[in-house]
Amino acid sequence: MAFWQNIQKTYNETATGTHMQFLDAVTTGDREAVSIYLDSNPQAVNQPEKLTGWTPLILAAGEGNIEMMDLLLARGADMEAKDKRGFTAMLTAARNGRLKAAATLINRGADATVRDASSRNVLSYAAQSGYADEFASLIVVSSVRKSLQKISAAP
């Protein structure tokens, strides 16, 4: 939850409005509230927060909440959606040292080679968070898996 609280403090934002309450539910892991909101507002699964452009999945990845990520992905969350600085859920997971969140995204086919608007990549942020080796291993496994899938799909 610190991830979301930090942004609220930075911009002196208060959780007002239904969508902000939904985003708060995402960051606190309130699966029931998120499910109820998405039942009546299915488009909200990819609706960004106005100030930063963070989507619910970017927030869940930043918190490292795998169960919330699974719920959002099952509801159609776009793994490659970018915020206003070009961050995806994968880059956010790397920046916050959320290895399991990154693995979840990679296992679902997320682009592990993505770059933000400053051209920084997953490994750059992983090194900053102290997890360069672990993230490098994830990326290698992802690349090998994709290569094997292409080979097995070839006639």
N, C-alpha and C. Protein backbone atom coordinates (compact mmCIF):
# COMPACT_ATOMS: atom_id res chain seq x y z
N MET A 1 0.81 -1.18 0.00
CA MET A 1 0.00 0.00 0.00
C MET A 1 0.86 1.26 0.00
N ALA A 2 2.09 1.16 0.43
CA ALA A 2 2.96 2.33 0.47
C ALA A 2 3.13 2.94 -0.91
N PHE A 3 3.16 2.12 -1.93
CA PHE A 3 3.32 2.57 -3.31
C PHE A 3 2.24 3.61 -3.65
N TRP A 4 0.98 3.28 -3.40
CA TRP A 4 -0.14 4.17 -3.70
C TRP A 4 -0.17 5.34 -2.74
N GLN A 5 0.12 5.11 -1.47
CA GLN A 5 0.12 6.19 -0.49
C GLN A 5 1.16 7.25 -0.84
N ASN A 6 2.31 6.80 -1.34
CA ASN A 6 3.35 7.76 -1.73
C ASN A 6 2.87 8.68 -2.83
N ILE A 7 2.17 8.15 -3.80
CA ILE A 7 1.70 9.01 -4.89
C ILE A 7 0.62 9.95 -4.38
N GLN A 8 -0.22 9.47 -3.48
CA GLN A 8 -1.26 10.35 -2.92
C GLN A 8 -0.61 11.50 -2.16
N LYS A 9 0.42 11.22 -1.39
CA LYS A 9 1.11 12.27 -0.64
C LYS A 9 1.82 13.24 -1.58
N THR A 10 2.47 12.69 -2.58
CA THR A 10 3.22 13.51 -3.52
C THR A 10 2.34 14.57 -4.17
N TYR A 11 1.15 14.18 -4.54
CA TYR A 11 0.25 15.09 -5.24
C TYR A 11 -0.85 15.64 -4.35
N ASN A 12 -0.74 15.40 -3.03
CA ASN A 12 -1.75 15.85 -2.08
C ASN A 12 -3.15 15.45 -2.52
N GLU A 13 -3.24 14.21 -3.01
CA GLU A 13 -4.50 13.72 -3.51
C GLU A 13 -5.25 13.01 -2.39
N THR A 14 -6.53 13.16 -2.37
CA THR A 14 -7.36 12.40 -1.45
C THR A 14 -8.22 11.46 -2.26
N ALA A 15 -8.57 10.35 -1.66
CA ALA A 15 -9.37 9.35 -2.36
C ALA A 15 -10.82 9.81 -2.43
N THR A 16 -11.13 10.56 -3.46
CA THR A 16 -12.49 11.00 -3.66
C THR A 16 -12.98 10.48 -4.99
N GLY A 17 -14.25 10.28 -5.08
CA GLY A 17 -14.82 9.79 -6.31
C GLY A 17 -14.78 8.27 -6.35
N THR A 18 -15.71 7.72 -7.10
CA THR A 18 -15.86 6.28 -7.17
C THR A 18 -14.62 5.60 -7.76
N HIS A 19 -14.05 6.17 -8.82
CA HIS A 19 -12.89 5.53 -9.42
C HIS A 19 -11.69 5.53 -8.47
N MET A 20 -11.49 6.61 -7.72
CA MET A 20 -10.41 6.64 -6.74
C MET A 20 -10.65 5.61 -5.65
N GLN A 21 -11.88 5.43 -5.24
CA GLN A 21 -12.19 4.40 -4.25
C GLN A 21 -11.89 3.02 -4.81
N PHE A 22 -12.19 2.82 -6.08
CA PHE A 22 -11.87 1.57 -6.75
C PHE A 22 -10.35 1.34 -6.74
N LEU A 23 -9.58 2.37 -7.09
CA LEU A 23 -8.12 2.24 -7.10
C LEU A 23 -7.59 1.98 -5.69
N ASP A 24 -8.18 2.59 -4.70
CA ASP A 24 -7.80 2.29 -3.31
C ASP A 24 -8.07 0.82 -2.99
N ALA A 25 -9.20 0.30 -3.45
CA ALA A 25 -9.52 -1.11 -3.22
C ALA A 25 -8.50 -2.01 -3.91
N VAL A 26 -8.05 -1.61 -5.10
CA VAL A 26 -7.01 -2.37 -5.80
C VAL A 26 -5.75 -2.42 -4.96
N THR A 27 -5.32 -1.28 -4.45
CA THR A 27 -4.05 -1.23 -3.72
C THR A 27 -4.12 -1.87 -2.34
N THR A 28 -5.29 -1.91 -1.75
CA THR A 28 -5.41 -2.55 -0.44
C THR A 28 -5.76 -4.03 -0.55
N GLY A 29 -5.99 -4.49 -1.79
CA GLY A 29 -6.25 -5.91 -2.00
C GLY A 29 -7.68 -6.33 -1.69
N ASP A 30 -8.61 -5.39 -1.75
CA ASP A 30 -10.01 -5.70 -1.47
C ASP A 30 -10.66 -6.30 -2.72
N ARG A 31 -10.47 -7.61 -2.87
CA ARG A 31 -10.95 -8.31 -4.06
C ARG A 31 -12.46 -8.20 -4.25
N GLU A 32 -13.18 -8.26 -3.15
CA GLU A 32 -14.64 -8.19 -3.24
C GLU A 32 -15.09 -6.84 -3.79
N ALA A 33 -14.54 -5.76 -3.25
CA ALA A 33 -14.91 -4.42 -3.72
C ALA A 33 -14.52 -4.23 -5.18
N VAL A 34 -13.35 -4.72 -5.55
CA VAL A 34 -12.88 -4.60 -6.94
C VAL A 34 -13.81 -5.37 -7.87
N SER A 35 -14.16 -6.59 -7.49
CA SER A 35 -15.05 -7.41 -8.32
C SER A 35 -16.41 -6.76 -8.50
N ILE A 36 -16.96 -6.24 -7.41
CA ILE A 36 -18.27 -5.59 -7.48
C ILE A 36 -18.21 -4.38 -8.41
N TYR A 37 -17.16 -3.57 -8.26
CA TYR A 37 -17.02 -2.38 -9.10
C TYR A 37 -16.88 -2.77 -10.57
N LEU A 38 -16.06 -3.78 -10.84
CA LEU A 38 -15.85 -4.19 -12.23
C LEU A 38 -17.08 -4.85 -12.83
N ASP A 39 -17.92 -5.46 -12.00
CA ASP A 39 -19.16 -6.04 -12.51
C ASP A 39 -20.04 -4.96 -13.15
N SER A 40 -20.07 -3.78 -12.54
CA SER A 40 -20.92 -2.71 -13.07
C SER A 40 -20.14 -1.71 -13.94
N ASN A 41 -18.80 -1.77 -13.90
CA ASN A 41 -17.95 -0.87 -14.69
C ASN A 41 -16.80 -1.65 -15.32
N PRO A 42 -17.08 -2.56 -16.23
CA PRO A 42 -16.02 -3.42 -16.77
C PRO A 42 -14.88 -2.66 -17.45
N GLN A 43 -15.16 -1.49 -18.00
CA GLN A 43 -14.13 -0.70 -18.67
C GLN A 43 -13.11 -0.16 -17.67
N ALA A 44 -13.44 -0.12 -16.41
CA ALA A 44 -12.54 0.42 -15.39
C ALA A 44 -11.27 -0.41 -15.22
N VAL A 45 -11.29 -1.64 -15.71
CA VAL A 45 -10.12 -2.50 -15.56
C VAL A 45 -8.88 -1.90 -16.25
N ASN A 46 -9.10 -1.07 -17.25
CA ASN A 46 -7.99 -0.41 -17.95
C ASN A 46 -8.04 1.11 -17.86
N GLN A 47 -8.93 1.64 -17.04
CA GLN A 47 -9.08 3.09 -16.92
C GLN A 47 -7.95 3.64 -16.05
N PRO A 48 -7.14 4.53 -16.60
CA PRO A 48 -6.02 5.07 -15.83
C PRO A 48 -6.45 6.13 -14.82
N GLU A 49 -5.65 6.26 -13.79
CA GLU A 49 -5.80 7.34 -12.83
C GLU A 49 -5.39 8.61 -13.59
N LYS A 50 -6.10 9.69 -13.40
CA LYS A 50 -5.92 10.88 -14.25
C LYS A 50 -4.57 11.57 -14.10
N LEU A 51 -4.05 11.65 -12.92
CA LEU A 51 -2.83 12.41 -12.69
C LEU A 51 -1.58 11.70 -13.23
N THR A 52 -1.47 10.41 -12.94
CA THR A 52 -0.26 9.66 -13.31
C THR A 52 -0.44 8.78 -14.53
N GLY A 53 -1.69 8.42 -14.80
CA GLY A 53 -1.95 7.49 -15.89
C GLY A 53 -1.83 6.04 -15.46
N TRP A 54 -1.68 5.82 -14.16
CA TRP A 54 -1.56 4.44 -13.68
C TRP A 54 -2.88 3.71 -13.84
N THR A 55 -2.78 2.51 -14.38
CA THR A 55 -3.95 1.63 -14.49
C THR A 55 -4.03 0.78 -13.22
N PRO A 56 -5.18 0.14 -13.01
CA PRO A 56 -5.27 -0.75 -11.85
C PRO A 56 -4.18 -1.83 -11.84
N LEU A 57 -3.84 -2.37 -13.00
CA LEU A 57 -2.81 -3.41 -13.04
C LEU A 57 -1.44 -2.85 -12.68
N ILE A 58 -1.13 -1.65 -13.13
CA ILE A 58 0.15 -1.02 -12.76
C ILE A 58 0.21 -0.86 -11.24
N LEU A 59 -0.89 -0.44 -10.63
CA LEU A 59 -0.93 -0.29 -9.18
C LEU A 59 -0.74 -1.63 -8.47
N ALA A 60 -1.46 -2.65 -8.93
CA ALA A 60 -1.35 -3.98 -8.30
C ALA A 60 0.07 -4.54 -8.45
N ALA A 61 0.68 -4.33 -9.62
CA ALA A 61 2.06 -4.80 -9.82
C ALA A 61 3.03 -4.05 -8.92
N GLY A 62 2.81 -2.76 -8.76
CA GLY A 62 3.66 -1.96 -7.88
C GLY A 62 3.56 -2.40 -6.44
N GLU A 63 2.39 -2.88 -6.05
CA GLU A 63 2.19 -3.39 -4.69
C GLU A 63 2.66 -4.83 -4.56
N GLY A 64 2.84 -5.51 -5.70
CA GLY A 64 3.23 -6.92 -5.67
C GLY A 64 2.08 -7.83 -5.27
N ASN A 65 0.85 -7.40 -5.51
CA ASN A 65 -0.32 -8.17 -5.12
C ASN A 65 -0.72 -9.10 -6.27
N ILE A 66 -0.24 -10.34 -6.20
CA ILE A 66 -0.46 -11.32 -7.27
C ILE A 66 -1.95 -11.66 -7.42
N GLU A 67 -2.64 -11.84 -6.30
CA GLU A 67 -4.06 -12.18 -6.37
C GLU A 67 -4.85 -11.07 -7.07
N MET A 68 -4.53 -9.83 -6.77
CA MET A 68 -5.23 -8.72 -7.43
C MET A 68 -4.86 -8.67 -8.91
N MET A 69 -3.59 -8.91 -9.20
CA MET A 69 -3.17 -8.93 -10.60
C MET A 69 -3.94 -10.01 -11.36
N ASP A 70 -4.05 -11.20 -10.77
CA ASP A 70 -4.78 -12.30 -11.41
C ASP A 70 -6.24 -11.92 -11.67
N LEU A 71 -6.86 -11.28 -10.69
CA LEU A 71 -8.25 -10.85 -10.85
C LEU A 71 -8.36 -9.85 -12.00
N LEU A 72 -7.48 -8.86 -12.02
CA LEU A 72 -7.53 -7.84 -13.07
C LEU A 72 -7.24 -8.43 -14.45
N LEU A 73 -6.27 -9.32 -14.52
CA LEU A 73 -5.95 -9.95 -15.80
C LEU A 73 -7.11 -10.81 -16.29
N ALA A 74 -7.77 -11.50 -15.37
CA ALA A 74 -8.94 -12.31 -15.75
C ALA A 74 -10.08 -11.43 -16.26
N ARG A 75 -10.10 -10.19 -15.83
CA ARG A 75 -11.14 -9.24 -16.26
C ARG A 75 -10.72 -8.45 -17.50
N GLY A 76 -9.55 -8.76 -18.06
CA GLY A 76 -9.15 -8.12 -19.31
C GLY A 76 -8.16 -6.99 -19.19
N ALA A 77 -7.45 -6.90 -18.08
CA ALA A 77 -6.45 -5.83 -17.92
C ALA A 77 -5.38 -5.95 -19.01
N ASP A 78 -4.98 -4.82 -19.55
CA ASP A 78 -3.96 -4.74 -20.59
C ASP A 78 -2.58 -4.70 -19.94
N MET A 79 -1.81 -5.77 -20.12
CA MET A 79 -0.48 -5.85 -19.51
C MET A 79 0.50 -4.83 -20.08
N GLU A 80 0.24 -4.35 -21.27
CA GLU A 80 1.17 -3.44 -21.93
C GLU A 80 0.73 -1.98 -21.86
N ALA A 81 -0.35 -1.70 -21.14
CA ALA A 81 -0.79 -0.31 -20.99
C ALA A 81 0.31 0.49 -20.30
N LYS A 82 0.49 1.74 -20.76
CA LYS A 82 1.54 2.60 -20.22
C LYS A 82 0.95 3.80 -19.50
N ASP A 83 1.64 4.22 -18.45
CA ASP A 83 1.23 5.43 -17.76
C ASP A 83 1.82 6.63 -18.48
N LYS A 84 1.73 7.80 -17.89
CA LYS A 84 2.18 9.02 -18.56
C LYS A 84 3.69 9.10 -18.74
N ARG A 85 4.45 8.27 -18.02
CA ARG A 85 5.90 8.25 -18.19
C ARG A 85 6.38 7.01 -18.96
N GLY A 86 5.42 6.28 -19.51
CA GLY A 86 5.77 5.11 -20.30
C GLY A 86 5.95 3.84 -19.49
N PHE A 87 5.58 3.86 -18.23
CA PHE A 87 5.70 2.67 -17.39
C PHE A 87 4.56 1.70 -17.66
N THR A 88 4.92 0.43 -17.77
CA THR A 88 3.93 -0.65 -17.82
C THR A 88 3.92 -1.32 -16.44
N ALA A 89 3.06 -2.30 -16.29
CA ALA A 89 3.04 -3.07 -15.04
C ALA A 89 4.39 -3.76 -14.84
N MET A 90 5.01 -4.25 -15.91
CA MET A 90 6.31 -4.92 -15.82
C MET A 90 7.39 -3.96 -15.30
N LEU A 91 7.47 -2.78 -15.86
CA LEU A 91 8.46 -1.81 -15.41
C LEU A 91 8.21 -1.39 -13.97
N THR A 92 6.95 -1.26 -13.61
CA THR A 92 6.60 -0.88 -12.24
C THR A 92 7.00 -1.98 -11.27
N ALA A 93 6.77 -3.23 -11.63
CA ALA A 93 7.18 -4.35 -10.79
C ALA A 93 8.70 -4.34 -10.61
N ALA A 94 9.43 -4.10 -11.68
CA ALA A 94 10.90 -4.06 -11.60
C ALA A 94 11.37 -2.90 -10.73
N ARG A 95 10.78 -1.74 -10.92
CA ARG A 95 11.17 -0.56 -10.16
C ARG A 95 10.96 -0.76 -8.66
N ASN A 96 9.94 -1.54 -8.31
CA ASN A 96 9.61 -1.77 -6.91
C ASN A 96 10.14 -3.10 -6.38
N GLY A 97 10.96 -3.79 -7.17
CA GLY A 97 11.53 -5.05 -6.71
C GLY A 97 10.51 -6.15 -6.49
N ARG A 98 9.45 -6.15 -7.26
CA ARG A 98 8.37 -7.14 -7.11
C ARG A 98 8.58 -8.29 -8.09
N LEU A 99 9.47 -9.19 -7.71
CA LEU A 99 9.87 -10.30 -8.56
C LEU A 99 8.70 -11.22 -8.91
N LYS A 100 7.88 -11.56 -7.93
CA LYS A 100 6.74 -12.45 -8.19
C LYS A 100 5.73 -11.79 -9.12
N ALA A 101 5.56 -10.50 -8.98
CA ALA A 101 4.64 -9.78 -9.88
C ALA A 101 5.18 -9.82 -11.31
N ALA A 102 6.48 -9.61 -11.46
CA ALA A 102 7.09 -9.68 -12.78
C ALA A 102 6.97 -11.08 -13.37
N ALA A 103 7.20 -12.08 -12.55
CA ALA A 103 7.08 -13.47 -13.02
C ALA A 103 5.65 -13.76 -13.47
N THR A 104 4.68 -13.26 -12.74
CA THR A 104 3.27 -13.44 -13.12
C THR A 104 3.02 -12.83 -14.48
N LEU A 105 3.52 -11.64 -14.69
CA LEU A 105 3.33 -10.96 -15.98
C LEU A 105 4.05 -11.69 -17.11
N ILE A 106 5.27 -12.09 -16.87
CA ILE A 106 6.04 -12.81 -17.89
C ILE A 106 5.34 -14.12 -18.26
N ASN A 107 4.88 -14.84 -17.24
CA ASN A 107 4.19 -16.11 -17.50
C ASN A 107 2.91 -15.93 -18.31
N ARG A 108 2.37 -14.73 -18.29
CA ARG A 108 1.16 -14.44 -19.06
C ARG A 108 1.49 -13.78 -20.40
N GLY A 109 2.79 -13.62 -20.69
CA GLY A 109 3.18 -13.11 -22.00
C GLY A 109 3.53 -11.64 -22.07
N ALA A 110 3.72 -10.98 -20.95
CA ALA A 110 4.09 -9.56 -20.97
C ALA A 110 5.46 -9.37 -21.61
N ASP A 111 5.64 -8.21 -22.19
CA ASP A 111 6.91 -7.86 -22.83
C ASP A 111 7.94 -7.51 -21.78
N ALA A 112 8.95 -8.37 -21.64
CA ALA A 112 10.01 -8.16 -20.65
C ALA A 112 11.10 -7.24 -21.17
N THR A 113 10.99 -6.81 -22.43
CA THR A 113 12.01 -5.94 -23.01
C THR A 113 11.51 -4.50 -23.16
N VAL A 114 10.37 -4.22 -22.58
CA VAL A 114 9.75 -2.90 -22.70
C VAL A 114 10.65 -1.81 -22.11
N ARG A 115 10.53 -0.61 -22.66
CA ARG A 115 11.28 0.56 -22.17
C ARG A 115 10.29 1.68 -21.87
N ASP A 116 10.64 2.51 -20.90
CA ASP A 116 9.79 3.65 -20.58
C ASP A 116 10.11 4.83 -21.50
N ALA A 117 9.52 5.96 -21.25
CA ALA A 117 9.72 7.15 -22.09
C ALA A 117 11.16 7.65 -22.04
N SER A 118 11.92 7.28 -21.01
CA SER A 118 13.33 7.67 -20.89
C SER A 118 14.27 6.60 -21.45
N SER A 119 13.70 5.57 -22.06
CA SER A 119 14.43 4.44 -22.64
C SER A 119 15.06 3.52 -21.59
N ARG A 120 14.62 3.62 -20.34
CA ARG A 120 15.10 2.68 -19.32
C ARG A 120 14.30 1.40 -19.43
N ASN A 121 14.97 0.27 -19.18
CA ASN A 121 14.30 -1.02 -19.31
C ASN A 121 14.14 -1.71 -17.96
N VAL A 122 13.59 -2.91 -18.01
CA VAL A 122 13.31 -3.69 -16.81
C VAL A 122 14.58 -3.90 -15.99
N LEU A 123 15.68 -4.28 -16.65
CA LEU A 123 16.92 -4.55 -15.92
C LEU A 123 17.48 -3.30 -15.25
N SER A 124 17.30 -2.17 -15.88
CA SER A 124 17.76 -0.91 -15.28
C SER A 124 17.04 -0.66 -13.96
N TYR A 125 15.72 -0.83 -13.96
CA TYR A 125 14.95 -0.62 -12.73
C TYR A 125 15.19 -1.74 -11.72
N ALA A 126 15.37 -2.96 -12.21
CA ALA A 126 15.65 -4.08 -11.31
C ALA A 126 16.97 -3.86 -10.58
N ALA A 127 17.97 -3.36 -11.28
CA ALA A 127 19.27 -3.08 -10.65
C ALA A 127 19.11 -2.01 -9.58
N GLN A 128 18.32 -1.01 -9.88
CA GLN A 128 18.06 0.07 -8.93
C GLN A 128 17.40 -0.46 -7.66
N SER A 129 16.54 -1.47 -7.82
CA SER A 129 15.84 -2.02 -6.66
C SER A 129 16.59 -3.19 -6.02
N GLY A 130 17.78 -3.53 -6.58
CA GLY A 130 18.61 -4.58 -5.99
C GLY A 130 18.29 -5.99 -6.45
N TYR A 131 17.60 -6.13 -7.57
CA TYR A 131 17.19 -7.44 -8.04
C TYR A 131 17.60 -7.71 -9.49
N ALA A 132 18.71 -7.19 -9.90
CA ALA A 132 19.12 -7.32 -11.31
C ALA A 132 19.28 -8.78 -11.73
N ASP A 133 19.96 -9.58 -10.92
CA ASP A 133 20.19 -10.98 -11.30
C ASP A 133 18.89 -11.75 -11.41
N GLU A 134 18.00 -11.54 -10.45
CA GLU A 134 16.73 -12.26 -10.46
C GLU A 134 15.88 -11.89 -11.67
N PHE A 135 15.83 -10.60 -11.97
CA PHE A 135 15.05 -10.17 -13.12
C PHE A 135 15.70 -10.62 -14.43
N ALA A 136 17.03 -10.62 -14.48
CA ALA A 136 17.73 -11.11 -15.67
C ALA A 136 17.38 -12.56 -15.93
N SER A 137 17.32 -13.35 -14.89
CA SER A 137 16.94 -14.77 -15.03
C SER A 137 15.53 -14.89 -15.57
N LEU A 138 14.62 -14.09 -15.07
CA LEU A 138 13.24 -14.12 -15.57
C LEU A 138 13.18 -13.79 -17.06
N ILE A 139 13.94 -12.80 -17.45
CA ILE A 139 13.93 -12.38 -18.86
C ILE A 139 14.52 -13.47 -19.76
N VAL A 140 15.58 -14.10 -19.31
CA VAL A 140 16.19 -15.19 -20.09
C VAL A 140 15.19 -16.33 -20.24
N VAL A 141 14.56 -16.72 -19.16
CA VAL A 141 13.57 -17.80 -19.22
C VAL A 141 12.44 -17.43 -20.17
N SER A 142 12.00 -16.20 -20.11
CA SER A 142 10.94 -15.73 -21.00
C SER A 142 11.36 -15.83 -22.45
N SER A 143 12.58 -15.41 -22.75
CA SER A 143 13.08 -15.45 -24.12
C SER A 143 13.19 -16.88 -24.63
N VAL A 144 13.69 -17.76 -23.80
CA VAL A 144 13.82 -19.17 -24.18
C VAL A 144 12.43 -19.77 -24.43
N ARG A 145 11.49 -19.48 -23.53
CA ARG A 145 10.13 -20.00 -23.67
C ARG A 145 9.51 -19.53 -24.99
N LYS A 146 9.67 -18.25 -25.32
CA LYS A 146 9.11 -17.72 -26.56
C LYS A 146 9.76 -18.37 -27.78
N SER A 147 11.07 -18.59 -27.72
CA SER A 147 11.76 -19.25 -28.83
C SER A 147 11.27 -20.67 -29.02
N LEU A 148 11.09 -21.38 -27.92
CA LEU A 148 10.60 -22.76 -28.01
C LEU A 148 9.18 -22.81 -28.55
N GLN A 149 8.37 -21.85 -28.19
CA GLN A 149 7.00 -21.80 -28.70
C GLN A 149 7.00 -21.55 -30.20
N LYS A 150 7.89 -20.69 -30.67
CA LYS A 150 7.98 -20.43 -32.11
C LYS A 150 8.44 -21.67 -32.86
N ILE A 151 9.40 -22.37 -32.29
CA ILE A 151 9.91 -23.58 -32.92
C ILE A 151 8.83 -24.65 -32.99
N SER A 152 8.12 -24.85 -31.89
CA SER A 152 7.10 -25.88 -31.87
C SER A 152 5.89 -25.53 -32.74
N ALA A 153 5.67 -24.24 -33.00
CA ALA A 153 4.55 -23.81 -33.84
C ALA A 153 4.90 -23.85 -35.33
N ALA A 154 6.18 -23.93 -35.63
CA ALA A 154 6.61 -23.95 -37.04
C ALA A 154 6.22 -25.28 -37.68
N PRO A 155 5.82 -25.22 -38.96
CA PRO A 155 5.40 -26.46 -39.64
C PRO A 155 6.52 -27.44 -39.85
